[in-house]
Amino acid sequence: FTLLVNRGAGRWWLLLPLAVVAWALMHASGVH
């Protein structure tokens, strides 16, 4: 996600799925 936004890729259809996956995995890890 960081690499994409720092290269100017701000399209929601690309970043939003990554955000959901990062959130779900963080939830599963035990970290809030």
Full PDB file with SEQRES, HELIX, SHEET, SSBOND, CRYST1, ORIGX, SCALE, CONECT and MASTER records, all heavy atoms in Angstrom:
SEQRES   1 A   32  PHE THR LEU LEU VAL ASN ARG GLY ALA GLY ARG TRP TRP          
SEQRES   2 A   32  LEU LEU LEU PRO LEU ALA VAL VAL ALA TRP ALA LEU MET          
SEQRES   3 A   32  HIS ALA SER GLY VAL HIS                                      
HELIX    1 AA1 THR A    2  ASN A    6  1                                   5    
HELIX    2 AA2 TRP A   12  SER A   29  1                                  18    
CRYST1    1.000    1.000    1.000  90.00  90.00  90.00 P 1           1          
ORIGX1      1.000000  0.000000  0.000000        0.00000                         
ORIGX2      0.000000  1.000000  0.000000        0.00000                         
ORIGX3      0.000000  0.000000  1.000000        0.00000                         
SCALE1      1.000000  0.000000  0.000000        0.00000                         
SCALE2      0.000000  1.000000  0.000000        0.00000                         
SCALE3      0.000000  0.000000  1.000000        0.00000                         
ATOM      1  N   PHE A   1       0.839  -1.198   0.000  1.00  0.00           N  
ATOM      2  CA  PHE A   1       0.000   0.000   0.000  1.00  0.00           C  
ATOM      3  C   PHE A   1       0.880   1.257   0.000  1.00  0.00           C  
ATOM      4  O   PHE A   1       0.637   2.219  -0.753  1.00  0.00           O  
ATOM      5  CB  PHE A   1      -0.904  -0.024   1.233  1.00  0.00           C  
ATOM      6  CG  PHE A   1      -1.832   1.147   1.373  1.00  0.00           C  
ATOM      7  CD1 PHE A   1      -3.141   1.069   0.921  1.00  0.00           C  
ATOM      8  CD2 PHE A   1      -1.414   2.327   1.988  1.00  0.00           C  
ATOM      9  CE1 PHE A   1      -4.004   2.139   1.057  1.00  0.00           C  
ATOM     10  CE2 PHE A   1      -2.272   3.406   2.128  1.00  0.00           C  
ATOM     11  CZ  PHE A   1      -3.566   3.305   1.662  1.00  0.00           C  
ATOM     12  N   THR A   2       1.932   1.246   0.818  1.00  0.00           N  
ATOM     13  CA  THR A   2       2.840   2.388   0.923  1.00  0.00           C  
ATOM     14  C   THR A   2       3.561   2.644  -0.395  1.00  0.00           C  
ATOM     15  O   THR A   2       3.684   3.800  -0.840  1.00  0.00           O  
ATOM     16  CB  THR A   2       3.873   2.141   2.040  1.00  0.00           C  
ATOM     17  OG1 THR A   2       3.189   1.886   3.267  1.00  0.00           O  
ATOM     18  CG2 THR A   2       4.798   3.330   2.202  1.00  0.00           C  
ATOM     19  N   LEU A   3       4.039   1.591  -1.015  1.00  0.00           N  
ATOM     20  CA  LEU A   3       4.740   1.752  -2.297  1.00  0.00           C  
ATOM     21  C   LEU A   3       3.821   2.346  -3.360  1.00  0.00           C  
ATOM     22  O   LEU A   3       4.226   3.233  -4.127  1.00  0.00           O  
ATOM     23  CB  LEU A   3       5.275   0.392  -2.766  1.00  0.00           C  
ATOM     24  CG  LEU A   3       6.407  -0.221  -1.933  1.00  0.00           C  
ATOM     25  CD1 LEU A   3       6.732  -1.628  -2.431  1.00  0.00           C  
ATOM     26  CD2 LEU A   3       7.656   0.665  -1.984  1.00  0.00           C  
ATOM     27  N   LEU A   4       2.588   1.891  -3.389  1.00  0.00           N  
ATOM     28  CA  LEU A   4       1.648   2.382  -4.409  1.00  0.00           C  
ATOM     29  C   LEU A   4       1.316   3.858  -4.201  1.00  0.00           C  
ATOM     30  O   LEU A   4       1.350   4.648  -5.155  1.00  0.00           O  
ATOM     31  CB  LEU A   4       0.376   1.540  -4.393  1.00  0.00           C  
ATOM     32  CG  LEU A   4       0.522   0.106  -4.910  1.00  0.00           C  
ATOM     33  CD1 LEU A   4      -0.762  -0.690  -4.691  1.00  0.00           C  
ATOM     34  CD2 LEU A   4       0.885   0.103  -6.394  1.00  0.00           C  
ATOM     35  N   VAL A   5       1.000   4.245  -2.965  1.00  0.00           N  
ATOM     36  CA  VAL A   5       0.617   5.644  -2.745  1.00  0.00           C  
ATOM     37  C   VAL A   5       1.802   6.579  -2.930  1.00  0.00           C  
ATOM     38  O   VAL A   5       1.630   7.727  -3.368  1.00  0.00           O  
ATOM     39  CB  VAL A   5      -0.019   5.853  -1.351  1.00  0.00           C  
ATOM     40  CG1 VAL A   5      -1.345   5.129  -1.251  1.00  0.00           C  
ATOM     41  CG2 VAL A   5       0.924   5.441  -0.232  1.00  0.00           C  
ATOM     42  N   ASN A   6       3.008   6.121  -2.619  1.00  0.00           N  
ATOM     43  CA  ASN A   6       4.172   6.978  -2.803  1.00  0.00           C  
ATOM     44  C   ASN A   6       4.607   7.064  -4.257  1.00  0.00           C  
ATOM     45  O   ASN A   6       5.430   7.917  -4.597  1.00  0.00           O  
ATOM     46  CB  ASN A   6       5.328   6.487  -1.927  1.00  0.00           C  
ATOM     47  CG  ASN A   6       5.193   6.934  -0.488  1.00  0.00           C  
ATOM     48  OD1 ASN A   6       5.619   8.029  -0.126  1.00  0.00           O  
ATOM     49  ND2 ASN A   6       4.579   6.105   0.341  1.00  0.00           N  
ATOM     50  N   ARG A   7       4.056   6.191  -5.086  1.00  0.00           N  
ATOM     51  CA  ARG A   7       4.288   6.305  -6.531  1.00  0.00           C  
ATOM     52  C   ARG A   7       3.121   6.998  -7.224  1.00  0.00           C  
ATOM     53  O   ARG A   7       3.037   7.006  -8.448  1.00  0.00           O  
ATOM     54  CB  ARG A   7       4.518   4.923  -7.140  1.00  0.00           C  
ATOM     55  CG  ARG A   7       5.840   4.291  -6.700  1.00  0.00           C  
ATOM     56  CD  ARG A   7       6.094   2.968  -7.391  1.00  0.00           C  
ATOM     57  NE  ARG A   7       7.393   2.422  -7.006  1.00  0.00           N  
ATOM     58  CZ  ARG A   7       7.898   1.284  -7.476  1.00  0.00           C  
ATOM     59  NH1 ARG A   7       7.199   0.565  -8.357  1.00  0.00           N  
ATOM     60  NH2 ARG A   7       9.075   0.858  -7.070  1.00  0.00           N  
ATOM     61  N   GLY A   8       2.234   7.564  -6.438  1.00  0.00           N  
ATOM     62  CA  GLY A   8       1.137   8.346  -6.997  1.00  0.00           C  
ATOM     63  C   GLY A   8      -0.090   7.554  -7.372  1.00  0.00           C  
ATOM     64  O   GLY A   8      -1.010   8.097  -7.996  1.00  0.00           O  
ATOM     65  N   ALA A   9      -0.145   6.279  -7.017  1.00  0.00           N  
ATOM     66  CA  ALA A   9      -1.307   5.455  -7.360  1.00  0.00           C  
ATOM     67  C   ALA A   9      -2.383   5.659  -6.300  1.00  0.00           C  
ATOM     68  O   ALA A   9      -2.361   5.020  -5.257  1.00  0.00           O  
ATOM     69  CB  ALA A   9      -0.913   3.980  -7.448  1.00  0.00           C  
ATOM     70  N   GLY A  10      -3.314   6.569  -6.564  1.00  0.00           N  
ATOM     71  CA  GLY A  10      -4.340   6.881  -5.585  1.00  0.00           C  
ATOM     72  C   GLY A  10      -5.716   6.370  -5.949  1.00  0.00           C  
ATOM     73  O   GLY A  10      -6.711   6.847  -5.413  1.00  0.00           O  
ATOM     74  N   ARG A  11      -5.803   5.381  -6.852  1.00  0.00           N  
ATOM     75  CA  ARG A  11      -7.105   4.885  -7.288  1.00  0.00           C  
ATOM     76  C   ARG A  11      -7.732   4.020  -6.200  1.00  0.00           C  
ATOM     77  O   ARG A  11      -7.125   3.073  -5.706  1.00  0.00           O  
ATOM     78  CB  ARG A  11      -6.941   4.079  -8.579  1.00  0.00           C  
ATOM     79  CG  ARG A  11      -6.433   4.921  -9.751  1.00  0.00           C  
ATOM     80  CD  ARG A  11      -6.150   4.061 -10.977  1.00  0.00           C  
ATOM     81  NE  ARG A  11      -5.704   4.840 -12.109  1.00  0.00           N  
ATOM     82  CZ  ARG A  11      -4.451   5.252 -12.296  1.00  0.00           C  
ATOM     83  NH1 ARG A  11      -3.526   4.920 -11.410  1.00  0.00           N  
ATOM     84  NH2 ARG A  11      -4.121   5.965 -13.354  1.00  0.00           N  
ATOM     85  N   TRP A  12      -8.988   4.318  -5.877  1.00  0.00           N  
ATOM     86  CA  TRP A  12      -9.658   3.656  -4.760  1.00  0.00           C  
ATOM     87  C   TRP A  12      -9.815   2.163  -5.005  1.00  0.00           C  
ATOM     88  O   TRP A  12      -9.712   1.371  -4.069  1.00  0.00           O  
ATOM     89  CB  TRP A  12     -11.021   4.301  -4.505  1.00  0.00           C  
ATOM     90  CG  TRP A  12     -12.033   4.032  -5.590  1.00  0.00           C  
ATOM     91  CD1 TRP A  12     -12.294   4.790  -6.692  1.00  0.00           C  
ATOM     92  CD2 TRP A  12     -12.905   2.909  -5.660  1.00  0.00           C  
ATOM     93  NE1 TRP A  12     -13.266   4.222  -7.462  1.00  0.00           N  
ATOM     94  CE2 TRP A  12     -13.666   3.060  -6.856  1.00  0.00           C  
ATOM     95  CE3 TRP A  12     -13.125   1.786  -4.869  1.00  0.00           C  
ATOM     96  CZ2 TRP A  12     -14.618   2.128  -7.241  1.00  0.00           C  
ATOM     97  CZ3 TRP A  12     -14.077   0.854  -5.262  1.00  0.00           C  
ATOM     98  CH2 TRP A  12     -14.812   1.038  -6.433  1.00  0.00           C  
ATOM     99  N   TRP A  13     -10.077   1.768  -6.271  1.00  0.00           N  
ATOM    100  CA  TRP A  13     -10.324   0.358  -6.560  1.00  0.00           C  
ATOM    101  C   TRP A  13      -9.069  -0.485  -6.404  1.00  0.00           C  
ATOM    102  O   TRP A  13      -9.134  -1.709  -6.296  1.00  0.00           O  
ATOM    103  CB  TRP A  13     -10.875   0.187  -7.977  1.00  0.00           C  
ATOM    104  CG  TRP A  13     -10.085   0.875  -9.063  1.00  0.00           C  
ATOM    105  CD1 TRP A  13     -10.303   2.098  -9.602  1.00  0.00           C  
ATOM    106  CD2 TRP A  13      -8.936   0.342  -9.742  1.00  0.00           C  
ATOM    107  NE1 TRP A  13      -9.365   2.396 -10.565  1.00  0.00           N  
ATOM    108  CE2 TRP A  13      -8.519   1.329 -10.672  1.00  0.00           C  
ATOM    109  CE3 TRP A  13      -8.214  -0.849  -9.646  1.00  0.00           C  
ATOM    110  CZ2 TRP A  13      -7.421   1.144 -11.499  1.00  0.00           C  
ATOM    111  CZ3 TRP A  13      -7.112  -1.037 -10.484  1.00  0.00           C  
ATOM    112  CH2 TRP A  13      -6.735  -0.050 -11.397  1.00  0.00           C  
ATOM    113  N   LEU A  14      -7.901   0.175  -6.333  1.00  0.00           N  
ATOM    114  CA  LEU A  14      -6.651  -0.537  -6.111  1.00  0.00           C  
ATOM    115  C   LEU A  14      -6.278  -0.547  -4.625  1.00  0.00           C  
ATOM    116  O   LEU A  14      -5.839  -1.573  -4.086  1.00  0.00           O  
ATOM    117  CB  LEU A  14      -5.526   0.133  -6.919  1.00  0.00           C  
ATOM    118  CG  LEU A  14      -4.130  -0.492  -6.837  1.00  0.00           C  
ATOM    119  CD1 LEU A  14      -4.161  -1.923  -7.362  1.00  0.00           C  
ATOM    120  CD2 LEU A  14      -3.132   0.345  -7.620  1.00  0.00           C  
ATOM    121  N   LEU A  15      -6.484   0.593  -3.961  1.00  0.00           N  
ATOM    122  CA  LEU A  15      -6.038   0.731  -2.571  1.00  0.00           C  
ATOM    123  C   LEU A  15      -7.037   0.170  -1.567  1.00  0.00           C  
ATOM    124  O   LEU A  15      -6.633  -0.377  -0.530  1.00  0.00           O  
ATOM    125  CB  LEU A  15      -5.782   2.213  -2.260  1.00  0.00           C  
ATOM    126  CG  LEU A  15      -4.679   2.889  -3.091  1.00  0.00           C  
ATOM    127  CD1 LEU A  15      -4.550   4.351  -2.699  1.00  0.00           C  
ATOM    128  CD2 LEU A  15      -3.348   2.168  -2.911  1.00  0.00           C  
ATOM    129  N   LEU A  16      -8.332   0.305  -1.845  1.00  0.00           N  
ATOM    130  CA  LEU A  16      -9.333  -0.135  -0.878  1.00  0.00           C  
ATOM    131  C   LEU A  16      -9.266  -1.639  -0.603  1.00  0.00           C  
ATOM    132  O   LEU A  16      -9.308  -2.054   0.569  1.00  0.00           O  
ATOM    133  CB  LEU A  16     -10.729   0.277  -1.339  1.00  0.00           C  
ATOM    134  CG  LEU A  16     -11.860   0.055  -0.338  1.00  0.00           C  
ATOM    135  CD1 LEU A  16     -11.573   0.774   0.964  1.00  0.00           C  
ATOM    136  CD2 LEU A  16     -13.199   0.521  -0.915  1.00  0.00           C  
ATOM    137  N   PRO A  17      -9.146  -2.508  -1.631  1.00  0.00           N  
ATOM    138  CA  PRO A  17      -9.004  -3.941  -1.335  1.00  0.00           C  
ATOM    139  C   PRO A  17      -7.762  -4.249  -0.492  1.00  0.00           C  
ATOM    140  O   PRO A  17      -7.811  -5.098   0.403  1.00  0.00           O  
ATOM    141  CB  PRO A  17      -8.915  -4.591  -2.722  1.00  0.00           C  
ATOM    142  CG  PRO A  17      -9.594  -3.633  -3.630  1.00  0.00           C  
ATOM    143  CD  PRO A  17      -9.275  -2.277  -3.089  1.00  0.00           C  
ATOM    144  N   LEU A  18      -6.651  -3.547  -0.783  1.00  0.00           N  
ATOM    145  CA  LEU A  18      -5.440  -3.755   0.027  1.00  0.00           C  
ATOM    146  C   LEU A  18      -5.681  -3.348   1.480  1.00  0.00           C  
ATOM    147  O   LEU A  18      -5.227  -4.030   2.407  1.00  0.00           O  
ATOM    148  CB  LEU A  18      -4.279  -2.937  -0.556  1.00  0.00           C  
ATOM    149  CG  LEU A  18      -3.661  -3.437  -1.856  1.00  0.00           C  
ATOM    150  CD1 LEU A  18      -2.609  -2.453  -2.350  1.00  0.00           C  
ATOM    151  CD2 LEU A  18      -3.038  -4.820  -1.663  1.00  0.00           C  
ATOM    152  N   ALA A  19      -6.408  -2.242   1.670  1.00  0.00           N  
ATOM    153  CA  ALA A  19      -6.694  -1.783   3.026  1.00  0.00           C  
ATOM    154  C   ALA A  19      -7.538  -2.807   3.783  1.00  0.00           C  
ATOM    155  O   ALA A  19      -7.296  -3.077   4.965  1.00  0.00           O  
ATOM    156  CB  ALA A  19      -7.409  -0.429   2.977  1.00  0.00           C  
ATOM    157  N   VAL A  20      -8.526  -3.393   3.112  1.00  0.00           N  
ATOM    158  CA  VAL A  20      -9.377  -4.387   3.753  1.00  0.00           C  
ATOM    159  C   VAL A  20      -8.571  -5.623   4.134  1.00  0.00           C  
ATOM    160  O   VAL A  20      -8.719  -6.171   5.239  1.00  0.00           O  
ATOM    161  CB  VAL A  20     -10.556  -4.764   2.834  1.00  0.00           C  
ATOM    162  CG1 VAL A  20     -11.341  -5.934   3.406  1.00  0.00           C  
ATOM    163  CG2 VAL A  20     -11.470  -3.560   2.625  1.00  0.00           C  
ATOM    164  N   VAL A  21      -7.695  -6.073   3.230  1.00  0.00           N  
ATOM    165  CA  VAL A  21      -6.859  -7.246   3.515  1.00  0.00           C  
ATOM    166  C   VAL A  21      -5.920  -6.965   4.685  1.00  0.00           C  
ATOM    167  O   VAL A  21      -5.767  -7.792   5.596  1.00  0.00           O  
ATOM    168  CB  VAL A  21      -6.054  -7.648   2.260  1.00  0.00           C  
ATOM    169  CG1 VAL A  21      -5.019  -8.711   2.609  1.00  0.00           C  
ATOM    170  CG2 VAL A  21      -6.992  -8.161   1.166  1.00  0.00           C  
ATOM    171  N   ALA A  22      -5.284  -5.777   4.682  1.00  0.00           N  
ATOM    172  CA  ALA A  22      -4.373  -5.419   5.780  1.00  0.00           C  
ATOM    173  C   ALA A  22      -5.121  -5.375   7.100  1.00  0.00           C  
ATOM    174  O   ALA A  22      -4.611  -5.845   8.129  1.00  0.00           O  
ATOM    175  CB  ALA A  22      -3.720  -4.066   5.491  1.00  0.00           C  
ATOM    176  N   TRP A  23      -6.336  -4.813   7.092  1.00  0.00           N  
ATOM    177  CA  TRP A  23      -7.143  -4.741   8.313  1.00  0.00           C  
ATOM    178  C   TRP A  23      -7.503  -6.142   8.817  1.00  0.00           C  
ATOM    179  O   TRP A  23      -7.377  -6.434  10.009  1.00  0.00           O  
ATOM    180  CB  TRP A  23      -8.406  -3.936   8.047  1.00  0.00           C  
ATOM    181  CG  TRP A  23      -9.384  -3.985   9.179  1.00  0.00           C  
ATOM    182  CD1 TRP A  23      -9.401  -3.176  10.270  1.00  0.00           C  
ATOM    183  CD2 TRP A  23     -10.448  -4.932   9.355  1.00  0.00           C  
ATOM    184  NE1 TRP A  23     -10.421  -3.547  11.115  1.00  0.00           N  
ATOM    185  CE2 TRP A  23     -11.079  -4.620  10.580  1.00  0.00           C  
ATOM    186  CE3 TRP A  23     -10.927  -5.996   8.595  1.00  0.00           C  
ATOM    187  CZ2 TRP A  23     -12.167  -5.344  11.058  1.00  0.00           C  
ATOM    188  CZ3 TRP A  23     -12.013  -6.721   9.079  1.00  0.00           C  
ATOM    189  CH2 TRP A  23     -12.617  -6.391  10.293  1.00  0.00           C  
ATOM    190  N   ALA A  24      -7.969  -7.015   7.903  1.00  0.00           N  
ATOM    191  CA  ALA A  24      -8.399  -8.360   8.296  1.00  0.00           C  
ATOM    192  C   ALA A  24      -7.235  -9.166   8.869  1.00  0.00           C  
ATOM    193  O   ALA A  24      -7.381  -9.873   9.878  1.00  0.00           O  
ATOM    194  CB  ALA A  24      -9.013  -9.080   7.096  1.00  0.00           C  
ATOM    195  N   LEU A  25      -6.059  -9.064   8.235  1.00  0.00           N  
ATOM    196  CA  LEU A  25      -4.893  -9.789   8.729  1.00  0.00           C  
ATOM    197  C   LEU A  25      -4.416  -9.231  10.074  1.00  0.00           C  
ATOM    198  O   LEU A  25      -3.999  -9.996  10.954  1.00  0.00           O  
ATOM    199  CB  LEU A  25      -3.762  -9.728   7.702  1.00  0.00           C  
ATOM    200  CG  LEU A  25      -3.986 -10.548   6.422  1.00  0.00           C  
ATOM    201  CD1 LEU A  25      -2.910 -10.243   5.390  1.00  0.00           C  
ATOM    202  CD2 LEU A  25      -4.010 -12.042   6.751  1.00  0.00           C  
ATOM    203  N   MET A  26      -4.481  -7.928  10.242  1.00  0.00           N  
ATOM    204  CA  MET A  26      -4.105  -7.327  11.524  1.00  0.00           C  
ATOM    205  C   MET A  26      -5.059  -7.794  12.617  1.00  0.00           C  
ATOM    206  O   MET A  26      -4.631  -8.100  13.740  1.00  0.00           O  
ATOM    207  CB  MET A  26      -4.122  -5.801  11.424  1.00  0.00           C  
ATOM    208  CG  MET A  26      -3.579  -5.078  12.655  1.00  0.00           C  
ATOM    209  SD  MET A  26      -1.789  -5.272  12.871  1.00  0.00           S  
ATOM    210  CE  MET A  26      -1.161  -4.189  11.573  1.00  0.00           C  
ATOM    211  N   HIS A  27      -6.342  -7.881  12.291  1.00  0.00           N  
ATOM    212  CA  HIS A  27      -7.329  -8.370  13.253  1.00  0.00           C  
ATOM    213  C   HIS A  27      -7.023  -9.814  13.651  1.00  0.00           C  
ATOM    214  O   HIS A  27      -7.092 -10.179  14.827  1.00  0.00           O  
ATOM    215  CB  HIS A  27      -8.729  -8.273  12.652  1.00  0.00           C  
ATOM    216  CG  HIS A  27      -9.826  -8.694  13.575  1.00  0.00           C  
ATOM    217  ND1 HIS A  27     -10.226 -10.010  13.706  1.00  0.00           N  
ATOM    218  CD2 HIS A  27     -10.602  -7.989  14.430  1.00  0.00           C  
ATOM    219  CE1 HIS A  27     -11.202 -10.090  14.586  1.00  0.00           C  
ATOM    220  NE2 HIS A  27     -11.445  -8.886  15.045  1.00  0.00           N  
ATOM    221  N   ALA A  28      -6.653 -10.628  12.663  1.00  0.00           N  
ATOM    222  CA  ALA A  28      -6.357 -12.037  12.935  1.00  0.00           C  
ATOM    223  C   ALA A  28      -5.060 -12.213  13.723  1.00  0.00           C  
ATOM    224  O   ALA A  28      -4.878 -13.223  14.402  1.00  0.00           O  
ATOM    225  CB  ALA A  28      -6.269 -12.813  11.624  1.00  0.00           C  
ATOM    226  N   SER A  29      -4.175 -11.214  13.660  1.00  0.00           N  
ATOM    227  CA  SER A  29      -2.875 -11.342  14.321  1.00  0.00           C  
ATOM    228  C   SER A  29      -2.950 -11.168  15.830  1.00  0.00           C  
ATOM    229  O   SER A  29      -2.035 -11.561  16.548  1.00  0.00           O  
ATOM    230  CB  SER A  29      -1.894 -10.310  13.752  1.00  0.00           C  
ATOM    231  OG  SER A  29      -2.208  -9.011  14.219  1.00  0.00           O  
ATOM    232  N   GLY A  30      -4.026 -10.560  16.324  1.00  0.00           N  
ATOM    233  CA  GLY A  30      -4.132 -10.284  17.749  1.00  0.00           C  
ATOM    234  C   GLY A  30      -3.856  -8.837  18.095  1.00  0.00           C  
ATOM    235  O   GLY A  30      -4.222  -8.370  19.168  1.00  0.00           O  
ATOM    236  N   VAL A  31      -3.198  -8.098  17.196  1.00  0.00           N  
ATOM    237  CA  VAL A  31      -3.017  -6.659  17.366  1.00  0.00           C  
ATOM    238  C   VAL A  31      -4.335  -5.993  17.000  1.00  0.00           C  
ATOM    239  O   VAL A  31      -5.002  -6.415  16.055  1.00  0.00           O  
ATOM    240  CB  VAL A  31      -1.875  -6.133  16.468  1.00  0.00           C  
ATOM    241  CG1 VAL A  31      -1.722  -4.628  16.601  1.00  0.00           C  
ATOM    242  CG2 VAL A  31      -0.566  -6.836  16.807  1.00  0.00           C  
ATOM    243  N   HIS A  32      -4.721  -4.950  17.752  1.00  0.00           N  
ATOM    244  CA  HIS A  32      -6.006  -4.323  17.461  1.00  0.00           C  
ATOM    245  C   HIS A  32      -6.041  -3.834  16.020  1.00  0.00           C  
ATOM    246  O   HIS A  32      -5.112  -3.188  15.542  1.00  0.00           O  
ATOM    247  CB  HIS A  32      -6.272  -3.161  18.423  1.00  0.00           C  
ATOM    248  CG  HIS A  32      -7.720  -2.803  18.492  1.00  0.00           C  
ATOM    249  ND1 HIS A  32      -8.295  -1.870  17.669  1.00  0.00           N  
ATOM    250  CD2 HIS A  32      -8.719  -3.290  19.274  1.00  0.00           C  
ATOM    251  CE1 HIS A  32      -9.587  -1.780  17.947  1.00  0.00           C  
ATOM    252  NE2 HIS A  32      -9.863  -2.625  18.919  1.00  0.00           N  
TER     253      HIS A  32                                                      
MASTER        0    0    0    2    0    0    0    6  252    1    0    3          
END                                                                             
